[in-house]
Amino acid sequence: MSGTNPWTRSRERMRRFPDLLAQCFTEAAVYGKCVVSTTTGKQELKKDLCVKEFEALKTCFVSAAKRGVK
């Protein structure tokens, strides 16, 4: 039953994350800039301020994961 353990699956997803992030660096940068621009000074990040950018990043991650990491 190798690979059926939830911890094993979780570790595998975490190992893939840097490669997925590298494939989605443009979307990650846009989302990061949005977060930074909305939290200047002492403002807190509020829900849905960067939802469009987050959804683009999420879509990229899902697409990259489906393609598989080479």
PDB file of N, CA and C in Angstrom:
ATOM      1  N   MET A   1       0.819  -1.197   0.000  1.00  0.00           N
ATOM      2  CA  MET A   1       0.000   0.000   0.000  1.00  0.00           C
ATOM      3  C   MET A   1       0.858   1.254   0.000  1.00  0.00           C
ATOM      4  N   SER A   2       1.959   1.189  -0.678  1.00  0.00           N
ATOM      5  CA  SER A   2       2.863   2.330  -0.744  1.00  0.00           C
ATOM      6  C   SER A   2       2.176   3.517  -1.417  1.00  0.00           C
ATOM      7  N   GLY A   3       2.336   4.689  -0.830  1.00  0.00           N
ATOM      8  CA  GLY A   3       1.802   5.908  -1.401  1.00  0.00           C
ATOM      9  C   GLY A   3       0.363   6.214  -1.005  1.00  0.00           C
ATOM     10  N   THR A   4      -0.290   5.366  -0.232  1.00  0.00           N
ATOM     11  CA  THR A   4      -1.670   5.621   0.152  1.00  0.00           C
ATOM     12  C   THR A   4      -1.770   6.395   1.463  1.00  0.00           C
ATOM     13  N   ASN A   5      -0.686   6.494   2.164  1.00  0.00           N
ATOM     14  CA  ASN A   5      -0.642   7.230   3.421  1.00  0.00           C
ATOM     15  C   ASN A   5      -0.848   8.724   3.136  1.00  0.00           C
ATOM     16  N   PRO A   6      -1.737   9.406   3.875  1.00  0.00           N
ATOM     17  CA  PRO A   6      -1.956  10.830   3.625  1.00  0.00           C
ATOM     18  C   PRO A   6      -0.694  11.674   3.791  1.00  0.00           C
ATOM     19  N   TRP A   7       0.187  11.284   4.700  1.00  0.00           N
ATOM     20  CA  TRP A   7       1.424  12.045   4.893  1.00  0.00           C
ATOM     21  C   TRP A   7       2.329  11.897   3.680  1.00  0.00           C
ATOM     22  N   THR A   8       2.358  10.732   3.084  1.00  0.00           N
ATOM     23  CA  THR A   8       3.177  10.507   1.891  1.00  0.00           C
ATOM     24  C   THR A   8       2.653  11.355   0.737  1.00  0.00           C
ATOM     25  N   ARG A   9       1.346  11.382   0.557  1.00  0.00           N
ATOM     26  CA  ARG A   9       0.755  12.198  -0.515  1.00  0.00           C
ATOM     27  C   ARG A   9       1.019  13.680  -0.273  1.00  0.00           C
ATOM     28  N   SER A  10       0.901  14.095   0.977  1.00  0.00           N
ATOM     29  CA  SER A  10       1.137  15.492   1.310  1.00  0.00           C
ATOM     30  C   SER A  10       2.590  15.888   1.040  1.00  0.00           C
ATOM     31  N   ARG A  11       3.528  15.042   1.441  1.00  0.00           N
ATOM     32  CA  ARG A  11       4.943  15.331   1.191  1.00  0.00           C
ATOM     33  C   ARG A  11       5.227  15.403  -0.313  1.00  0.00           C
ATOM     34  N   GLU A  12       4.616  14.522  -1.079  1.00  0.00           N
ATOM     35  CA  GLU A  12       4.814  14.536  -2.531  1.00  0.00           C
ATOM     36  C   GLU A  12       4.311  15.840  -3.142  1.00  0.00           C
ATOM     37  N   ARG A  13       3.151  16.310  -2.699  1.00  0.00           N
ATOM     38  CA  ARG A  13       2.634  17.592  -3.204  1.00  0.00           C
ATOM     39  C   ARG A  13       3.581  18.734  -2.834  1.00  0.00           C
ATOM     40  N   MET A  14       4.108  18.708  -1.614  1.00  0.00           N
ATOM     41  CA  MET A  14       5.022  19.770  -1.187  1.00  0.00           C
ATOM     42  C   MET A  14       6.331  19.730  -1.968  1.00  0.00           C
ATOM     43  N   ARG A  15       6.793  18.538  -2.337  1.00  0.00           N
ATOM     44  CA  ARG A  15       8.006  18.434  -3.151  1.00  0.00           C
ATOM     45  C   ARG A  15       7.794  19.030  -4.532  1.00  0.00           C
ATOM     46  N   ARG A  16       6.590  18.934  -5.057  1.00  0.00           N
ATOM     47  CA  ARG A  16       6.286  19.449  -6.395  1.00  0.00           C
ATOM     48  C   ARG A  16       6.071  20.960  -6.406  1.00  0.00           C
ATOM     49  N   PHE A  17       5.781  21.551  -5.260  1.00  0.00           N
ATOM     50  CA  PHE A  17       5.417  22.956  -5.198  1.00  0.00           C
ATOM     51  C   PHE A  17       6.459  23.898  -5.816  1.00  0.00           C
ATOM     52  N   PRO A  18       7.753  23.756  -5.536  1.00  0.00           N
ATOM     53  CA  PRO A  18       8.721  24.676  -6.154  1.00  0.00           C
ATOM     54  C   PRO A  18       8.698  24.630  -7.682  1.00  0.00           C
ATOM     55  N   ASP A  19       8.523  23.444  -8.244  1.00  0.00           N
ATOM     56  CA  ASP A  19       8.456  23.329  -9.706  1.00  0.00           C
ATOM     57  C   ASP A  19       7.184  23.970 -10.254  1.00  0.00           C
ATOM     58  N   LEU A  20       6.079  23.772  -9.555  1.00  0.00           N
ATOM     59  CA  LEU A  20       4.829  24.397  -9.986  1.00  0.00           C
ATOM     60  C   LEU A  20       4.925  25.916  -9.885  1.00  0.00           C
ATOM     61  N   LEU A  21       5.526  26.396  -8.816  1.00  0.00           N
ATOM     62  CA  LEU A  21       5.693  27.835  -8.646  1.00  0.00           C
ATOM     63  C   LEU A  21       6.582  28.411  -9.750  1.00  0.00           C
ATOM     64  N   ALA A  22       7.620  27.678 -10.127  1.00  0.00           N
ATOM     65  CA  ALA A  22       8.499  28.140 -11.204  1.00  0.00           C
ATOM     66  C   ALA A  22       7.745  28.244 -12.526  1.00  0.00           C
ATOM     67  N   GLN A  23       6.805  27.341 -12.754  1.00  0.00           N
ATOM     68  CA  GLN A  23       6.021  27.382 -13.982  1.00  0.00           C
ATOM     69  C   GLN A  23       5.002  28.524 -13.972  1.00  0.00           C
ATOM     70  N   CYS A  24       4.656  29.007 -12.794  1.00  0.00           N
ATOM     71  CA  CYS A  24       3.635  30.059 -12.654  1.00  0.00           C
ATOM     72  C   CYS A  24       4.227  31.342 -12.079  1.00  0.00           C
ATOM     73  N   PHE A  25       5.489  31.609 -12.371  1.00  0.00           N
ATOM     74  CA  PHE A  25       6.143  32.755 -11.744  1.00  0.00           C
ATOM     75  C   PHE A  25       5.500  34.080 -12.120  1.00  0.00           C
ATOM     76  N   THR A  26       4.990  34.205 -13.333  1.00  0.00           N
ATOM     77  CA  THR A  26       4.372  35.471 -13.749  1.00  0.00           C
ATOM     78  C   THR A  26       3.112  35.740 -12.929  1.00  0.00           C
ATOM     79  N   GLU A  27       2.258  34.732 -12.815  1.00  0.00           N
ATOM     80  CA  GLU A  27       1.031  34.880 -12.043  1.00  0.00           C
ATOM     81  C   GLU A  27       1.337  35.103 -10.567  1.00  0.00           C
ATOM     82  N   ALA A  28       2.363  34.420 -10.057  1.00  0.00           N
ATOM     83  CA  ALA A  28       2.755  34.596  -8.656  1.00  0.00           C
ATOM     84  C   ALA A  28       3.254  36.014  -8.404  1.00  0.00           C
ATOM     85  N   ALA A  29       4.013  36.553  -9.348  1.00  0.00           N
ATOM     86  CA  ALA A  29       4.523  37.918  -9.201  1.00  0.00           C
ATOM     87  C   ALA A  29       3.385  38.937  -9.219  1.00  0.00           C
ATOM     88  N   VAL A  30       2.419  38.750 -10.104  1.00  0.00           N
ATOM     89  CA  VAL A  30       1.276  39.664 -10.180  1.00  0.00           C
ATOM     90  C   VAL A  30       0.471  39.614  -8.885  1.00  0.00           C
ATOM     91  N   TYR A  31       0.242  38.408  -8.368  1.00  0.00           N
ATOM     92  CA  TYR A  31      -0.494  38.267  -7.109  1.00  0.00           C
ATOM     93  C   TYR A  31       0.292  38.905  -5.959  1.00  0.00           C
ATOM     94  N   GLY A  32       1.583  38.665  -5.914  1.00  0.00           N
ATOM     95  CA  GLY A  32       2.416  39.253  -4.868  1.00  0.00           C
ATOM     96  C   GLY A  32       2.403  40.768  -4.896  1.00  0.00           C
ATOM     97  N   LYS A  33       2.462  41.349  -6.094  1.00  0.00           N
ATOM     98  CA  LYS A  33       2.409  42.807  -6.217  1.00  0.00           C
ATOM     99  C   LYS A  33       1.069  43.348  -5.742  1.00  0.00           C
ATOM    100  N   CYS A  34       0.000  42.630  -6.037  1.00  0.00           N
ATOM    101  CA  CYS A  34      -1.320  43.056  -5.568  1.00  0.00           C
ATOM    102  C   CYS A  34      -1.372  43.046  -4.047  1.00  0.00           C
ATOM    103  N   VAL A  35      -0.879  41.974  -3.445  1.00  0.00           N
ATOM    104  CA  VAL A  35      -0.891  41.873  -1.980  1.00  0.00           C
ATOM    105  C   VAL A  35      -0.067  42.992  -1.368  1.00  0.00           C
ATOM    106  N   VAL A  36       1.108  43.235  -1.906  1.00  0.00           N
ATOM    107  CA  VAL A  36       1.972  44.294  -1.377  1.00  0.00           C
ATOM    108  C   VAL A  36       1.313  45.657  -1.525  1.00  0.00           C
ATOM    109  N   SER A  37       0.711  45.916  -2.686  1.00  0.00           N
ATOM    110  CA  SER A  37       0.112  47.233  -2.904  1.00  0.00           C
ATOM    111  C   SER A  37      -1.121  47.473  -2.036  1.00  0.00           C
ATOM    112  N   THR A  38      -1.815  46.406  -1.648  1.00  0.00           N
ATOM    113  CA  THR A  38      -3.009  46.586  -0.820  1.00  0.00           C
ATOM    114  C   THR A  38      -2.701  46.564   0.673  1.00  0.00           C
ATOM    115  N   THR A  39      -1.467  46.265   1.024  1.00  0.00           N
ATOM    116  CA  THR A  39      -1.109  46.205   2.444  1.00  0.00           C
ATOM    117  C   THR A  39      -0.001  47.186   2.783  1.00  0.00           C
ATOM    118  N   THR A  40       0.068  48.295   2.079  1.00  0.00           N
ATOM    119  CA  THR A  40       1.078  49.299   2.395  1.00  0.00           C
ATOM    120  C   THR A  40       0.790  49.910   3.754  1.00  0.00           C
ATOM    121  N   GLY A  41       1.829  50.305   4.421  1.00  0.00           N
ATOM    122  CA  GLY A  41       1.666  50.872   5.758  1.00  0.00           C
ATOM    123  C   GLY A  41       1.236  49.805   6.743  1.00  0.00           C
ATOM    124  N   LYS A  42       0.231  50.095   7.529  1.00  0.00           N
ATOM    125  CA  LYS A  42      -0.241  49.148   8.543  1.00  0.00           C
ATOM    126  C   LYS A  42      -1.566  48.505   8.155  1.00  0.00           C
ATOM    127  N   GLN A  43      -1.946  48.637   6.893  1.00  0.00           N
ATOM    128  CA  GLN A  43      -3.198  48.023   6.455  1.00  0.00           C
ATOM    129  C   GLN A  43      -3.071  46.506   6.458  1.00  0.00           C
ATOM    130  N   GLU A  44      -4.168  45.847   6.770  1.00  0.00           N
ATOM    131  CA  GLU A  44      -4.204  44.394   6.742  1.00  0.00           C
ATOM    132  C   GLU A  44      -4.797  43.936   5.412  1.00  0.00           C
ATOM    133  N   LEU A  45      -4.375  42.777   4.973  1.00  0.00           N
ATOM    134  CA  LEU A  45      -4.932  42.191   3.769  1.00  0.00           C
ATOM    135  C   LEU A  45      -6.358  41.745   4.065  1.00  0.00           C
ATOM    136  N   LYS A  46      -7.267  42.166   3.236  1.00  0.00           N
ATOM    137  CA  LYS A  46      -8.664  41.802   3.422  1.00  0.00           C
ATOM    138  C   LYS A  46      -9.091  40.845   2.319  1.00  0.00           C
ATOM    139  N   LYS A  47     -10.030  39.994   2.648  1.00  0.00           N
ATOM    140  CA  LYS A  47     -10.528  38.994   1.714  1.00  0.00           C
ATOM    141  C   LYS A  47     -11.041  39.653   0.434  1.00  0.00           C
ATOM    142  N   ASP A  48     -10.748  39.032  -0.666  1.00  0.00           N
ATOM    143  CA  ASP A  48     -11.234  39.392  -2.004  1.00  0.00           C
ATOM    144  C   ASP A  48     -10.607  40.657  -2.604  1.00  0.00           C
ATOM    145  N   LEU A  49      -9.609  41.241  -1.978  1.00  0.00           N
ATOM    146  CA  LEU A  49      -8.960  42.403  -2.591  1.00  0.00           C
ATOM    147  C   LEU A  49      -8.144  42.008  -3.820  1.00  0.00           C
ATOM    148  N   CYS A  50      -7.578  40.822  -3.802  1.00  0.00           N
ATOM    149  CA  CYS A  50      -6.749  40.348  -4.916  1.00  0.00           C
ATOM    150  C   CYS A  50      -7.312  39.043  -5.489  1.00  0.00           C
ATOM    151  N   VAL A  51      -8.629  38.927  -5.474  1.00  0.00           N
ATOM    152  CA  VAL A  51      -9.246  37.661  -5.882  1.00  0.00           C
ATOM    153  C   VAL A  51      -8.966  37.339  -7.347  1.00  0.00           C
ATOM    154  N   LYS A  52      -8.964  38.330  -8.220  1.00  0.00           N
ATOM    155  CA  LYS A  52      -8.713  38.085  -9.644  1.00  0.00           C
ATOM    156  C   LYS A  52      -7.308  37.526  -9.853  1.00  0.00           C
ATOM    157  N   GLU A  53      -6.332  38.115  -9.180  1.00  0.00           N
ATOM    158  CA  GLU A  53      -4.955  37.665  -9.297  1.00  0.00           C
ATOM    159  C   GLU A  53      -4.767  36.285  -8.672  1.00  0.00           C
ATOM    160  N   PHE A  54      -5.438  36.051  -7.540  1.00  0.00           N
ATOM    161  CA  PHE A  54      -5.345  34.750  -6.889  1.00  0.00           C
ATOM    162  C   PHE A  54      -5.942  33.653  -7.769  1.00  0.00           C
ATOM    163  N   GLU A  55      -7.079  33.928  -8.380  1.00  0.00           N
ATOM    164  CA  GLU A  55      -7.715  32.932  -9.244  1.00  0.00           C
ATOM    165  C   GLU A  55      -6.828  32.608 -10.453  1.00  0.00           C
ATOM    166  N   ALA A  56      -6.142  33.607 -10.993  1.00  0.00           N
ATOM    167  CA  ALA A  56      -5.223  33.359 -12.108  1.00  0.00           C
ATOM    168  C   ALA A  56      -4.071  32.462 -11.653  1.00  0.00           C
ATOM    169  N   LEU A  57      -3.546  32.710 -10.467  1.00  0.00           N
ATOM    170  CA  LEU A  57      -2.462  31.881  -9.926  1.00  0.00           C
ATOM    171  C   LEU A  57      -2.953  30.463  -9.658  1.00  0.00           C
ATOM    172  N   LYS A  58      -4.116  30.340  -9.074  1.00  0.00           N
ATOM    173  CA  LYS A  58      -4.696  29.024  -8.791  1.00  0.00           C
ATOM    174  C   LYS A  58      -4.909  28.235 -10.081  1.00  0.00           C
ATOM    175  N   THR A  59      -5.440  28.880 -11.111  1.00  0.00           N
ATOM    176  CA  THR A  59      -5.660  28.224 -12.396  1.00  0.00           C
ATOM    177  C   THR A  59      -4.344  27.749 -12.993  1.00  0.00           C
ATOM    178  N   CYS A  60      -3.320  28.565 -12.878  1.00  0.00           N
ATOM    179  CA  CYS A  60      -1.997  28.178 -13.379  1.00  0.00           C
ATOM    180  C   CYS A  60      -1.467  26.967 -12.627  1.00  0.00           C
ATOM    181  N   PHE A  61      -1.571  26.964 -11.302  1.00  0.00           N
ATOM    182  CA  PHE A  61      -1.110  25.816 -10.505  1.00  0.00           C
ATOM    183  C   PHE A  61      -1.838  24.538 -10.905  1.00  0.00           C
ATOM    184  N   VAL A  62      -3.154  24.628 -11.059  1.00  0.00           N
ATOM    185  CA  VAL A  62      -3.942  23.439 -11.418  1.00  0.00           C
ATOM    186  C   VAL A  62      -3.520  22.934 -12.802  1.00  0.00           C
ATOM    187  N   SER A  63      -3.353  23.848 -13.739  1.00  0.00           N
ATOM    188  CA  SER A  63      -2.934  23.454 -15.088  1.00  0.00           C
ATOM    189  C   SER A  63      -1.551  22.832 -15.080  1.00  0.00           C
ATOM    190  N   ALA A  64      -0.643  23.429 -14.354  1.00  0.00           N
ATOM    191  CA  ALA A  64       0.732  22.896 -14.274  1.00  0.00           C
ATOM    192  C   ALA A  64       0.735  21.529 -13.612  1.00  0.00           C
ATOM    193  N   ALA A  65      -0.082  21.342 -12.591  1.00  0.00           N
ATOM    194  CA  ALA A  65      -0.138  20.046 -11.908  1.00  0.00           C
ATOM    195  C   ALA A  65      -0.707  18.974 -12.818  1.00  0.00           C
ATOM    196  N   LYS A  66      -1.694  19.346 -13.627  1.00  0.00           N
ATOM    197  CA  LYS A  66      -2.279  18.375 -14.555  1.00  0.00           C
ATOM    198  C   LYS A  66      -1.291  17.979 -15.642  1.00  0.00           C
ATOM    199  N   ARG A  67      -0.491  18.938 -16.099  1.00  0.00           N
ATOM    200  CA  ARG A  67       0.523  18.638 -17.119  1.00  0.00           C
ATOM    201  C   ARG A  67       1.618  17.747 -16.553  1.00  0.00           C
ATOM    202  N   GLY A  68       1.826  17.875 -15.282  1.00  0.00           N
ATOM    203  CA  GLY A  68       2.916  17.128 -14.638  1.00  0.00           C
ATOM    204  C   GLY A  68       4.182  17.943 -14.664  1.00  0.00           C
ATOM    205  N   VAL A  69       4.991  17.745 -13.678  1.00  0.00           N
ATOM    206  CA  VAL A  69       6.247  18.481 -13.555  1.00  0.00           C
ATOM    207  C   VAL A  69       7.328  17.694 -14.256  1.00  0.00           C
ATOM    208  N   LYS A  70       7.969  18.341 -15.172  1.00  0.00           N
ATOM    209  CA  LYS A  70       9.039  17.681 -15.935  1.00  0.00           C
ATOM    210  C   LYS A  70      10.378  17.960 -15.312  1.00  0.00           C
TER     211      LYS A  70
END
